Amino acid sequence: MLERLRIILDRLREVGLKVKPSKCVLLKRDIEFLGHLVSVQGVDPVPDKLKAIRDWPTPHCLRDVRAFFGLSSYYCRFVRNFASIAEPLTRLTKKNNRQMDR
């Protein structure tokens, strides 16, 4: 693993890129990156984000629906048939929707 790290650092140096040591996380088994947990087993959503989705309060306006839809859509790759499941939310977020105007 240290040899691979050396190769990566050498290639970065060859093309003129630098890494900031204070921002580097090395030799970890799993890390959080952009809302995902990256590990040897693969990529999974961060458990705290899933809890936030599960515990989301009932939306009462279009803004609330869009906020929930945006967060849940970020993890669509982990939900089979997400587009079909989320289709009612998609309809609610369209312009001139009378249901959310009430």
PDB file of N, CA and C in Angstrom:
ATOM      1  N   MET A   1       0.830  -1.193   0.000  1.00  0.00           N
ATOM      2  CA  MET A   1       0.000   0.000   0.000  1.00  0.00           C
ATOM      3  C   MET A   1       0.877   1.260   0.000  1.00  0.00           C
ATOM      4  N   LEU A   2       1.969   1.229   0.735  1.00  0.00           N
ATOM      5  CA  LEU A   2       2.857   2.393   0.759  1.00  0.00           C
ATOM      6  C   LEU A   2       3.498   2.640  -0.609  1.00  0.00           C
ATOM      7  N   GLU A   3       3.774   1.563  -1.342  1.00  0.00           N
ATOM      8  CA  GLU A   3       4.333   1.720  -2.682  1.00  0.00           C
ATOM      9  C   GLU A   3       3.320   2.396  -3.612  1.00  0.00           C
ATOM     10  N   ARG A   4       2.053   2.010  -3.499  1.00  0.00           N
ATOM     11  CA  ARG A   4       1.010   2.648  -4.317  1.00  0.00           C
ATOM     12  C   ARG A   4       0.873   4.130  -3.971  1.00  0.00           C
ATOM     13  N   LEU A   5       0.973   4.434  -2.683  1.00  0.00           N
ATOM     14  CA  LEU A   5       0.908   5.836  -2.248  1.00  0.00           C
ATOM     15  C   LEU A   5       2.056   6.621  -2.863  1.00  0.00           C
ATOM     16  N   ARG A   6       3.238   6.046  -2.871  1.00  0.00           N
ATOM     17  CA  ARG A   6       4.409   6.705  -3.463  1.00  0.00           C
ATOM     18  C   ARG A   6       4.168   6.956  -4.957  1.00  0.00           C
ATOM     19  N   ILE A   7       3.620   5.983  -5.669  1.00  0.00           N
ATOM     20  CA  ILE A   7       3.338   6.134  -7.104  1.00  0.00           C
ATOM     21  C   ILE A   7       2.360   7.279  -7.326  1.00  0.00           C
ATOM     22  N   ILE A   8       1.307   7.338  -6.522  1.00  0.00           N
ATOM     23  CA  ILE A   8       0.298   8.402  -6.657  1.00  0.00           C
ATOM     24  C   ILE A   8       0.931   9.764  -6.411  1.00  0.00           C
ATOM     25  N   LEU A   9       1.704   9.886  -5.332  1.00  0.00           N
ATOM     26  CA  LEU A   9       2.340  11.168  -5.013  1.00  0.00           C
ATOM     27  C   LEU A   9       3.335  11.573  -6.101  1.00  0.00           C
ATOM     28  N   ASP A  10       4.067  10.596  -6.637  1.00  0.00           N
ATOM     29  CA  ASP A  10       5.007  10.901  -7.723  1.00  0.00           C
ATOM     30  C   ASP A  10       4.273  11.406  -8.961  1.00  0.00           C
ATOM     31  N   ARG A  11       3.169  10.771  -9.304  1.00  0.00           N
ATOM     32  CA  ARG A  11       2.405  11.205 -10.488  1.00  0.00           C
ATOM     33  C   ARG A  11       1.827  12.598 -10.287  1.00  0.00           C
ATOM     34  N   LEU A  12       1.347  12.888  -9.105  1.00  0.00           N
ATOM     35  CA  LEU A  12       0.839  14.233  -8.824  1.00  0.00           C
ATOM     36  C   LEU A  12       1.951  15.262  -9.002  1.00  0.00           C
ATOM     37  N   ARG A  13       3.145  14.955  -8.483  1.00  0.00           N
ATOM     38  CA  ARG A  13       4.270  15.871  -8.597  1.00  0.00           C
ATOM     39  C   ARG A  13       4.665  16.064 -10.057  1.00  0.00           C
ATOM     40  N   GLU A  14       4.642  14.992 -10.872  1.00  0.00           N
ATOM     41  CA  GLU A  14       5.008  15.069 -12.283  1.00  0.00           C
ATOM     42  C   GLU A  14       4.143  16.053 -13.058  1.00  0.00           C
ATOM     43  N   VAL A  15       2.867  16.148 -12.694  1.00  0.00           N
ATOM     44  CA  VAL A  15       1.967  17.052 -13.411  1.00  0.00           C
ATOM     45  C   VAL A  15       1.798  18.387 -12.691  1.00  0.00           C
ATOM     46  N   GLY A  16       2.617  18.609 -11.674  1.00  0.00           N
ATOM     47  CA  GLY A  16       2.622  19.905 -11.008  1.00  0.00           C
ATOM     48  C   GLY A  16       1.545  20.102  -9.954  1.00  0.00           C
ATOM     49  N   LEU A  17       0.956  19.016  -9.473  1.00  0.00           N
ATOM     50  CA  LEU A  17      -0.060  19.135  -8.433  1.00  0.00           C
ATOM     51  C   LEU A  17       0.552  18.869  -7.068  1.00  0.00           C
ATOM     52  N   LYS A  18      -0.004  19.515  -6.069  1.00  0.00           N
ATOM     53  CA  LYS A  18       0.476  19.347  -4.700  1.00  0.00           C
ATOM     54  C   LYS A  18      -0.674  18.888  -3.818  1.00  0.00           C
ATOM     55  N   VAL A  19      -0.358  18.208  -2.742  1.00  0.00           N
ATOM     56  CA  VAL A  19      -1.363  17.832  -1.744  1.00  0.00           C
ATOM     57  C   VAL A  19      -1.023  18.540  -0.451  1.00  0.00           C
ATOM     58  N   LYS A  20      -2.057  18.938   0.263  1.00  0.00           N
ATOM     59  CA  LYS A  20      -1.864  19.609   1.539  1.00  0.00           C
ATOM     60  C   LYS A  20      -1.972  18.554   2.642  1.00  0.00           C
ATOM     61  N   PRO A  21      -0.883  18.287   3.352  1.00  0.00           N
ATOM     62  CA  PRO A  21      -0.897  17.222   4.358  1.00  0.00           C
ATOM     63  C   PRO A  21      -2.028  17.329   5.374  1.00  0.00           C
ATOM     64  N   SER A  22      -2.384  18.545   5.757  1.00  0.00           N
ATOM     65  CA  SER A  22      -3.453  18.693   6.761  1.00  0.00           C
ATOM     66  C   SER A  22      -4.818  18.274   6.230  1.00  0.00           C
ATOM     67  N   LYS A  23      -4.949  18.170   4.903  1.00  0.00           N
ATOM     68  CA  LYS A  23      -6.218  17.761   4.303  1.00  0.00           C
ATOM     69  C   LYS A  23      -6.193  16.309   3.827  1.00  0.00           C
ATOM     70  N   CYS A  24      -5.093  15.618   4.053  1.00  0.00           N
ATOM     71  CA  CYS A  24      -4.960  14.233   3.604  1.00  0.00           C
ATOM     72  C   CYS A  24      -5.342  13.277   4.734  1.00  0.00           C
ATOM     73  N   VAL A  25      -6.040  12.227   4.364  1.00  0.00           N
ATOM     74  CA  VAL A  25      -6.370  11.155   5.293  1.00  0.00           C
ATOM     75  C   VAL A  25      -5.807   9.875   4.685  1.00  0.00           C
ATOM     76  N   LEU A  26      -4.806   9.316   5.343  1.00  0.00           N
ATOM     77  CA  LEU A  26      -4.118   8.161   4.784  1.00  0.00           C
ATOM     78  C   LEU A  26      -4.266   6.943   5.690  1.00  0.00           C
ATOM     79  N   LEU A  27      -4.191   5.777   5.073  1.00  0.00           N
ATOM     80  CA  LEU A  27      -4.171   4.495   5.770  1.00  0.00           C
ATOM     81  C   LEU A  27      -5.410   4.257   6.632  1.00  0.00           C
ATOM     82  N   LYS A  28      -6.544   4.695   6.165  1.00  0.00           N
ATOM     83  CA  LYS A  28      -7.825   4.467   6.851  1.00  0.00           C
ATOM     84  C   LYS A  28      -8.551   3.328   6.156  1.00  0.00           C
ATOM     85  N   ARG A  29      -9.360   2.600   6.906  1.00  0.00           N
ATOM     86  CA  ARG A  29     -10.140   1.509   6.320  1.00  0.00           C
ATOM     87  C   ARG A  29     -11.414   2.043   5.663  1.00  0.00           C
ATOM     88  N   ASP A  30     -11.957   3.123   6.187  1.00  0.00           N
ATOM     89  CA  ASP A  30     -13.126   3.739   5.566  1.00  0.00           C
ATOM     90  C   ASP A  30     -13.106   5.232   5.848  1.00  0.00           C
ATOM     91  N   ILE A  31     -13.658   6.001   4.896  1.00  0.00           N
ATOM     92  CA  ILE A  31     -13.703   7.453   5.035  1.00  0.00           C
ATOM     93  C   ILE A  31     -15.062   7.962   4.550  1.00  0.00           C
ATOM     94  N   GLU A  32     -15.440   9.122   5.053  1.00  0.00           N
ATOM     95  CA  GLU A  32     -16.623   9.811   4.549  1.00  0.00           C
ATOM     96  C   GLU A  32     -16.179  10.757   3.446  1.00  0.00           C
ATOM     97  N   PHE A  33     -16.904  10.718   2.330  1.00  0.00           N
ATOM     98  CA  PHE A  33     -16.576  11.582   1.205  1.00  0.00           C
ATOM     99  C   PHE A  33     -17.856  11.954   0.489  1.00  0.00           C
ATOM    100  N   LEU A  34     -18.161  13.242   0.457  1.00  0.00           N
ATOM    101  CA  LEU A  34     -19.341  13.766  -0.235  1.00  0.00           C
ATOM    102  C   LEU A  34     -20.630  13.032   0.161  1.00  0.00           C
ATOM    103  N   GLY A  35     -20.811  12.809   1.452  1.00  0.00           N
ATOM    104  CA  GLY A  35     -22.035  12.176   1.931  1.00  0.00           C
ATOM    105  C   GLY A  35     -22.083  10.676   1.770  1.00  0.00           C
ATOM    106  N   HIS A  36     -20.944  10.072   1.431  1.00  0.00           N
ATOM    107  CA  HIS A  36     -20.866   8.631   1.262  1.00  0.00           C
ATOM    108  C   HIS A  36     -19.786   8.061   2.170  1.00  0.00           C
ATOM    109  N   LEU A  37     -19.974   6.834   2.569  1.00  0.00           N
ATOM    110  CA  LEU A  37     -18.977   6.109   3.336  1.00  0.00           C
ATOM    111  C   LEU A  37     -18.265   5.174   2.363  1.00  0.00           C
ATOM    112  N   VAL A  38     -16.980   5.441   2.128  1.00  0.00           N
ATOM    113  CA  VAL A  38     -16.195   4.664   1.175  1.00  0.00           C
ATOM    114  C   VAL A  38     -15.314   3.708   1.975  1.00  0.00           C
ATOM    115  N   SER A  39     -15.441   2.411   1.680  1.00  0.00           N
ATOM    116  CA  SER A  39     -14.667   1.410   2.410  1.00  0.00           C
ATOM    117  C   SER A  39     -14.255   0.293   1.465  1.00  0.00           C
ATOM    118  N   VAL A  40     -13.601  -0.696   2.013  1.00  0.00           N
ATOM    119  CA  VAL A  40     -13.189  -1.858   1.237  1.00  0.00           C
ATOM    120  C   VAL A  40     -14.412  -2.569   0.664  1.00  0.00           C
ATOM    121  N   GLN A  41     -15.527  -2.548   1.393  1.00  0.00           N
ATOM    122  CA  GLN A  41     -16.742  -3.212   0.931  1.00  0.00           C
ATOM    123  C   GLN A  41     -17.444  -2.462  -0.190  1.00  0.00           C
ATOM    124  N   GLY A  42     -17.121  -1.199  -0.389  1.00  0.00           N
ATOM    125  CA  GLY A  42     -17.748  -0.415  -1.443  1.00  0.00           C
ATOM    126  C   GLY A  42     -18.175   0.955  -0.941  1.00  0.00           C
ATOM    127  N   VAL A  43     -19.176   1.516  -1.598  1.00  0.00           N
ATOM    128  CA  VAL A  43     -19.676   2.852  -1.274  1.00  0.00           C
ATOM    129  C   VAL A  43     -21.091   2.713  -0.719  1.00  0.00           C
ATOM    130  N   ASP A  44     -21.338   3.346   0.424  1.00  0.00           N
ATOM    131  CA  ASP A  44     -22.652   3.331   1.075  1.00  0.00           C
ATOM    132  C   ASP A  44     -22.997   4.742   1.506  1.00  0.00           C
ATOM    133  N   PRO A  45     -24.289   5.007   1.715  1.00  0.00           N
ATOM    134  CA  PRO A  45     -24.649   6.316   2.254  1.00  0.00           C
ATOM    135  C   PRO A  45     -24.196   6.436   3.713  1.00  0.00           C
ATOM    136  N   VAL A  46     -23.907   7.644   4.146  1.00  0.00           N
ATOM    137  CA  VAL A  46     -23.542   7.882   5.537  1.00  0.00           C
ATOM    138  C   VAL A  46     -24.787   7.642   6.405  1.00  0.00           C
ATOM    139  N   PRO A  47     -24.679   6.825   7.443  1.00  0.00           N
ATOM    140  CA  PRO A  47     -25.848   6.499   8.278  1.00  0.00           C
ATOM    141  C   PRO A  47     -26.585   7.720   8.830  1.00  0.00           C
ATOM    142  N   ASP A  48     -25.870   8.783   9.177  1.00  0.00           N
ATOM    143  CA  ASP A  48     -26.529   9.991   9.701  1.00  0.00           C
ATOM    144  C   ASP A  48     -27.459  10.614   8.666  1.00  0.00           C
ATOM    145  N   LYS A  49     -27.064  10.575   7.402  1.00  0.00           N
ATOM    146  CA  LYS A  49     -27.907  11.127   6.334  1.00  0.00           C
ATOM    147  C   LYS A  49     -29.164  10.285   6.142  1.00  0.00           C
ATOM    148  N   LEU A  50     -29.021   8.962   6.238  1.00  0.00           N
ATOM    149  CA  LEU A  50     -30.195   8.093   6.128  1.00  0.00           C
ATOM    150  C   LEU A  50     -31.167   8.357   7.273  1.00  0.00           C
ATOM    151  N   LYS A  51     -30.625   8.588   8.462  1.00  0.00           N
ATOM    152  CA  LYS A  51     -31.478   8.896   9.615  1.00  0.00           C
ATOM    153  C   LYS A  51     -32.216  10.213   9.385  1.00  0.00           C
ATOM    154  N   ALA A  52     -31.524  11.192   8.803  1.00  0.00           N
ATOM    155  CA  ALA A  52     -32.161  12.478   8.511  1.00  0.00           C
ATOM    156  C   ALA A  52     -33.315  12.304   7.526  1.00  0.00           C
ATOM    157  N   ILE A  53     -33.143  11.439   6.538  1.00  0.00           N
ATOM    158  CA  ILE A  53     -34.211  11.182   5.569  1.00  0.00           C
ATOM    159  C   ILE A  53     -35.380  10.476   6.249  1.00  0.00           C
ATOM    160  N   ARG A  54     -35.073   9.448   7.063  1.00  0.00           N
ATOM    161  CA  ARG A  54     -36.138   8.703   7.756  1.00  0.00           C
ATOM    162  C   ARG A  54     -36.919   9.589   8.720  1.00  0.00           C
ATOM    163  N   ASP A  55     -36.221  10.506   9.398  1.00  0.00           N
ATOM    164  CA  ASP A  55     -36.848  11.337  10.426  1.00  0.00           C
ATOM    165  C   ASP A  55     -37.348  12.681   9.903  1.00  0.00           C
ATOM    166  N   TRP A  56     -37.322  12.866   8.588  1.00  0.00           N
ATOM    167  CA  TRP A  56     -37.728  14.145   7.988  1.00  0.00           C
ATOM    168  C   TRP A  56     -39.181  14.437   8.339  1.00  0.00           C
ATOM    169  N   PRO A  57     -39.487  15.639   8.795  1.00  0.00           N
ATOM    170  CA  PRO A  57     -40.880  15.969   9.106  1.00  0.00           C
ATOM    171  C   PRO A  57     -41.736  16.046   7.839  1.00  0.00           C
ATOM    172  N   THR A  58     -43.027  15.884   8.008  1.00  0.00           N
ATOM    173  CA  THR A  58     -43.949  15.949   6.875  1.00  0.00           C
ATOM    174  C   THR A  58     -43.854  17.316   6.207  1.00  0.00           C
ATOM    175  N   PRO A  59     -43.624  17.354   4.895  1.00  0.00           N
ATOM    176  CA  PRO A  59     -43.543  18.636   4.191  1.00  0.00           C
ATOM    177  C   PRO A  59     -44.906  19.325   4.153  1.00  0.00           C
ATOM    178  N   HIS A  60     -44.906  20.649   4.300  1.00  0.00           N
ATOM    179  CA  HIS A  60     -46.158  21.418   4.296  1.00  0.00           C
ATOM    180  C   HIS A  60     -46.245  22.430   3.169  1.00  0.00           C
ATOM    181  N   CYS A  61     -45.153  22.574   2.429  1.00  0.00           N
ATOM    182  CA  CYS A  61     -45.165  23.512   1.310  1.00  0.00           C
ATOM    183  C   CYS A  61     -44.208  22.996   0.235  1.00  0.00           C
ATOM    184  N   LEU A  62     -44.225  23.639  -0.906  1.00  0.00           N
ATOM    185  CA  LEU A  62     -43.400  23.225  -2.038  1.00  0.00           C
ATOM    186  C   LEU A  62     -41.918  23.252  -1.684  1.00  0.00           C
ATOM    187  N   ARG A  63     -41.515  24.259  -0.947  1.00  0.00           N
ATOM    188  CA  ARG A  63     -40.109  24.369  -0.536  1.00  0.00           C
ATOM    189  C   ARG A  63     -39.690  23.157   0.300  1.00  0.00           C
ATOM    190  N   ASP A  64     -40.543  22.719   1.216  1.00  0.00           N
ATOM    191  CA  ASP A  64     -40.258  21.549   2.045  1.00  0.00           C
ATOM    192  C   ASP A  64     -40.145  20.281   1.191  1.00  0.00           C
ATOM    193  N   VAL A  65     -41.056  20.131   0.235  1.00  0.00           N
ATOM    194  CA  VAL A  65     -41.032  18.960  -0.645  1.00  0.00           C
ATOM    195  C   VAL A  65     -39.740  18.956  -1.456  1.00  0.00           C
ATOM    196  N   ARG A  66     -39.366  20.094  -1.995  1.00  0.00           N
ATOM    197  CA  ARG A  66     -38.141  20.175  -2.800  1.00  0.00           C
ATOM    198  C   ARG A  66     -36.901  19.867  -1.957  1.00  0.00           C
ATOM    199  N   ALA A  67     -36.868  20.343  -0.730  1.00  0.00           N
ATOM    200  CA  ALA A  67     -35.728  20.072   0.142  1.00  0.00           C
ATOM    201  C   ALA A  67     -35.606  18.572   0.416  1.00  0.00           C
ATOM    202  N   PHE A  68     -36.719  17.935   0.750  1.00  0.00           N
ATOM    203  CA  PHE A  68     -36.700  16.499   1.007  1.00  0.00           C
ATOM    204  C   PHE A  68     -36.337  15.721  -0.259  1.00  0.00           C
ATOM    205  N   PHE A  69     -36.951  16.098  -1.366  1.00  0.00           N
ATOM    206  CA  PHE A  69     -36.709  15.409  -2.642  1.00  0.00           C
ATOM    207  C   PHE A  69     -35.237  15.535  -3.045  1.00  0.00           C
ATOM    208  N   GLY A  70     -34.659  16.702  -2.828  1.00  0.00           N
ATOM    209  CA  GLY A  70     -33.253  16.912  -3.171  1.00  0.00           C
ATOM    210  C   GLY A  70     -32.331  16.017  -2.361  1.00  0.00           C
ATOM    211  N   LEU A  71     -32.565  15.946  -1.050  1.00  0.00           N
ATOM    212  CA  LEU A  71     -31.723  15.107  -0.203  1.00  0.00           C
ATOM    213  C   LEU A  71     -31.894  13.635  -0.543  1.00  0.00           C
ATOM    214  N   SER A  72     -33.121  13.204  -0.679  1.00  0.00           N
ATOM    215  CA  SER A  72     -33.349  11.785  -0.963  1.00  0.00           C
ATOM    216  C   SER A  72     -32.859  11.412  -2.365  1.00  0.00           C
ATOM    217  N   SER A  73     -32.944  12.313  -3.316  1.00  0.00           N
ATOM    218  CA  SER A  73     -32.470  12.035  -4.677  1.00  0.00           C
ATOM    219  C   SER A  73     -30.963  11.835  -4.726  1.00  0.00           C
ATOM    220  N   TYR A  74     -30.258  12.464  -3.805  1.00  0.00           N
ATOM    221  CA  TYR A  74     -28.806  12.328  -3.764  1.00  0.00           C
ATOM    222  C   TYR A  74     -28.403  10.864  -3.571  1.00  0.00           C
ATOM    223  N   TYR A  75     -29.257  10.100  -2.903  1.00  0.00           N
ATOM    224  CA  TYR A  75     -28.963   8.693  -2.624  1.00  0.00           C
ATOM    225  C   TYR A  75     -29.767   7.740  -3.497  1.00  0.00           C
ATOM    226  N   CYS A  76     -30.271   8.194  -4.625  1.00  0.00           N
ATOM    227  CA  CYS A  76     -31.132   7.369  -5.475  1.00  0.00           C
ATOM    228  C   CYS A  76     -30.440   6.105  -5.968  1.00  0.00           C
ATOM    229  N   ARG A  77     -29.139   6.135  -6.098  1.00  0.00           N
ATOM    230  CA  ARG A  77     -28.442   4.947  -6.596  1.00  0.00           C
ATOM    231  C   ARG A  77     -28.520   3.770  -5.637  1.00  0.00           C
ATOM    232  N   PHE A  78     -28.905   4.030  -4.386  1.00  0.00           N
ATOM    233  CA  PHE A  78     -29.004   2.965  -3.397  1.00  0.00           C
ATOM    234  C   PHE A  78     -30.427   2.428  -3.255  1.00  0.00           C
ATOM    235  N   VAL A  79     -31.376   3.014  -4.006  1.00  0.00           N
ATOM    236  CA  VAL A  79     -32.782   2.613  -3.903  1.00  0.00           C
ATOM    237  C   VAL A  79     -33.244   2.085  -5.258  1.00  0.00           C
ATOM    238  N   ARG A  80     -33.589   0.816  -5.279  1.00  0.00           N
ATOM    239  CA  ARG A  80     -34.075   0.210  -6.523  1.00  0.00           C
ATOM    240  C   ARG A  80     -35.399   0.868  -6.913  1.00  0.00           C
ATOM    241  N   ASN A  81     -35.550   1.188  -8.181  1.00  0.00           N
ATOM    242  CA  ASN A  81     -36.756   1.824  -8.730  1.00  0.00           C
ATOM    243  C   ASN A  81     -37.059   3.170  -8.068  1.00  0.00           C
ATOM    244  N   PHE A  82     -36.011   3.931  -7.770  1.00  0.00           N
ATOM    245  CA  PHE A  82     -36.204   5.216  -7.102  1.00  0.00           C
ATOM    246  C   PHE A  82     -37.127   6.135  -7.894  1.00  0.00           C
ATOM    247  N   ALA A  83     -36.954   6.185  -9.197  1.00  0.00           N
ATOM    248  CA  ALA A  83     -37.764   7.087 -10.023  1.00  0.00           C
ATOM    249  C   ALA A  83     -39.256   6.772  -9.875  1.00  0.00           C
ATOM    250  N   SER A  84     -39.603   5.503  -9.848  1.00  0.00           N
ATOM    251  CA  SER A  84     -41.015   5.112  -9.692  1.00  0.00           C
ATOM    252  C   SER A  84     -41.532   5.462  -8.302  1.00  0.00           C
ATOM    253  N   ILE A  85     -40.716   5.206  -7.305  1.00  0.00           N
ATOM    254  CA  ILE A  85     -41.118   5.492  -5.922  1.00  0.00           C
ATOM    255  C   ILE A  85     -41.294   6.995  -5.714  1.00  0.00           C
ATOM    256  N   ALA A  86     -40.383   7.784  -6.286  1.00  0.00           N
ATOM    257  CA  ALA A  86     -40.390   9.233  -6.074  1.00  0.00           C
ATOM    258  C   ALA A  86     -41.273   9.980  -7.060  1.00  0.00           C
ATOM    259  N   GLU A  87     -41.920   9.292  -7.969  1.00  0.00           N
ATOM    260  CA  GLU A  87     -42.728   9.951  -8.994  1.00  0.00           C
ATOM    261  C   GLU A  87     -43.784  10.895  -8.414  1.00  0.00           C
ATOM    262  N   PRO A  88     -44.482  10.538  -7.331  1.00  0.00           N
ATOM    263  CA  PRO A  88     -45.437  11.505  -6.758  1.00  0.00           C
ATOM    264  C   PRO A  88     -44.766  12.799  -6.288  1.00  0.00           C
ATOM    265  N   LEU A  89     -43.555  12.698  -5.754  1.00  0.00           N
ATOM    266  CA  LEU A  89     -42.825  13.907  -5.344  1.00  0.00           C
ATOM    267  C   LEU A  89     -42.411  14.721  -6.567  1.00  0.00           C
ATOM    268  N   THR A  90     -42.038  14.034  -7.625  1.00  0.00           N
ATOM    269  CA  THR A  90     -41.674  14.725  -8.865  1.00  0.00           C
ATOM    270  C   THR A  90     -42.861  15.531  -9.377  1.00  0.00           C
ATOM    271  N   ARG A  91     -44.036  14.912  -9.338  1.00  0.00           N
ATOM    272  CA  ARG A  91     -45.242  15.628  -9.788  1.00  0.00           C
ATOM    273  C   ARG A  91     -45.511  16.849  -8.910  1.00  0.00           C
ATOM    274  N   LEU A  92     -45.314  16.699  -7.599  1.00  0.00           N
ATOM    275  CA  LEU A  92     -45.573  17.817  -6.683  1.00  0.00           C
ATOM    276  C   LEU A  92     -44.638  18.995  -6.921  1.00  0.00           C
ATOM    277  N   THR A  93     -43.440  18.728  -7.405  1.00  0.00           N
ATOM    278  CA  THR A  93     -42.465  19.807  -7.563  1.00  0.00           C
ATOM    279  C   THR A  93     -42.570  20.535  -8.896  1.00  0.00           C
ATOM    280  N   LYS A  94     -43.448  20.092  -9.768  1.00  0.00           N
ATOM    281  CA  LYS A  94     -43.611  20.770 -11.062  1.00  0.00           C
ATOM    282  C   LYS A  94     -44.283  22.122 -10.881  1.00  0.00           C
ATOM    283  N   LYS A  95     -43.992  23.030 -11.793  1.00  0.00           N
ATOM    284  CA  LYS A  95     -44.601  24.376 -11.763  1.00  0.00           C
ATOM    285  C   LYS A  95     -46.110  24.301 -11.856  1.00  0.00           C
ATOM    286  N   ASN A  96     -46.762  25.276 -11.257  1.00  0.00           N
ATOM    287  CA  ASN A  96     -48.213  25.427 -11.299  1.00  0.00           C
ATOM    288  C   ASN A  96     -48.955  24.206 -10.776  1.00  0.00           C
ATOM    289  N   ASN A  97     -48.416  23.586  -9.745  1.00  0.00           N
ATOM    290  CA  ASN A  97     -49.059  22.433  -9.135  1.00  0.00           C
ATOM    291  C   ASN A  97     -50.071  22.942  -8.104  1.00  0.00           C
ATOM    292  N   ARG A  98     -51.321  22.647  -8.308  1.00  0.00           N
ATOM    293  CA  ARG A  98     -52.389  23.126  -7.432  1.00  0.00           C
ATOM    294  C   ARG A  98     -52.398  22.454  -6.060  1.00  0.00           C
ATOM    295  N   GLN A  99     -51.924  21.217  -5.983  1.00  0.00           N
ATOM    296  CA  GLN A  99     -51.944  20.495  -4.705  1.00  0.00           C
ATOM    297  C   GLN A  99     -51.082  21.200  -3.661  1.00  0.00           C
ATOM    298  N   MET A 100     -49.924  21.709  -4.044  1.00  0.00           N
ATOM    299  CA  MET A 100     -49.039  22.357  -3.076  1.00  0.00           C
ATOM    300  C   MET A 100     -49.419  23.803  -2.833  1.00  0.00           C
ATOM    301  N   ASP A 101     -50.309  24.367  -3.635  1.00  0.00           N
ATOM    302  CA  ASP A 101     -50.730  25.745  -3.435  1.00  0.00           C
ATOM    303  C   ASP A 101     -51.736  25.881  -2.296  1.00  0.00           C
ATOM    304  N   ARG A 102     -52.298  24.761  -1.882  1.00  0.00           N
ATOM    305  CA  ARG A 102     -53.324  24.803  -0.835  1.00  0.00           C
ATOM    306  C   ARG A 102     -52.757  25.071   0.526  1.00  0.00           C
TER     307      ARG A 102
END
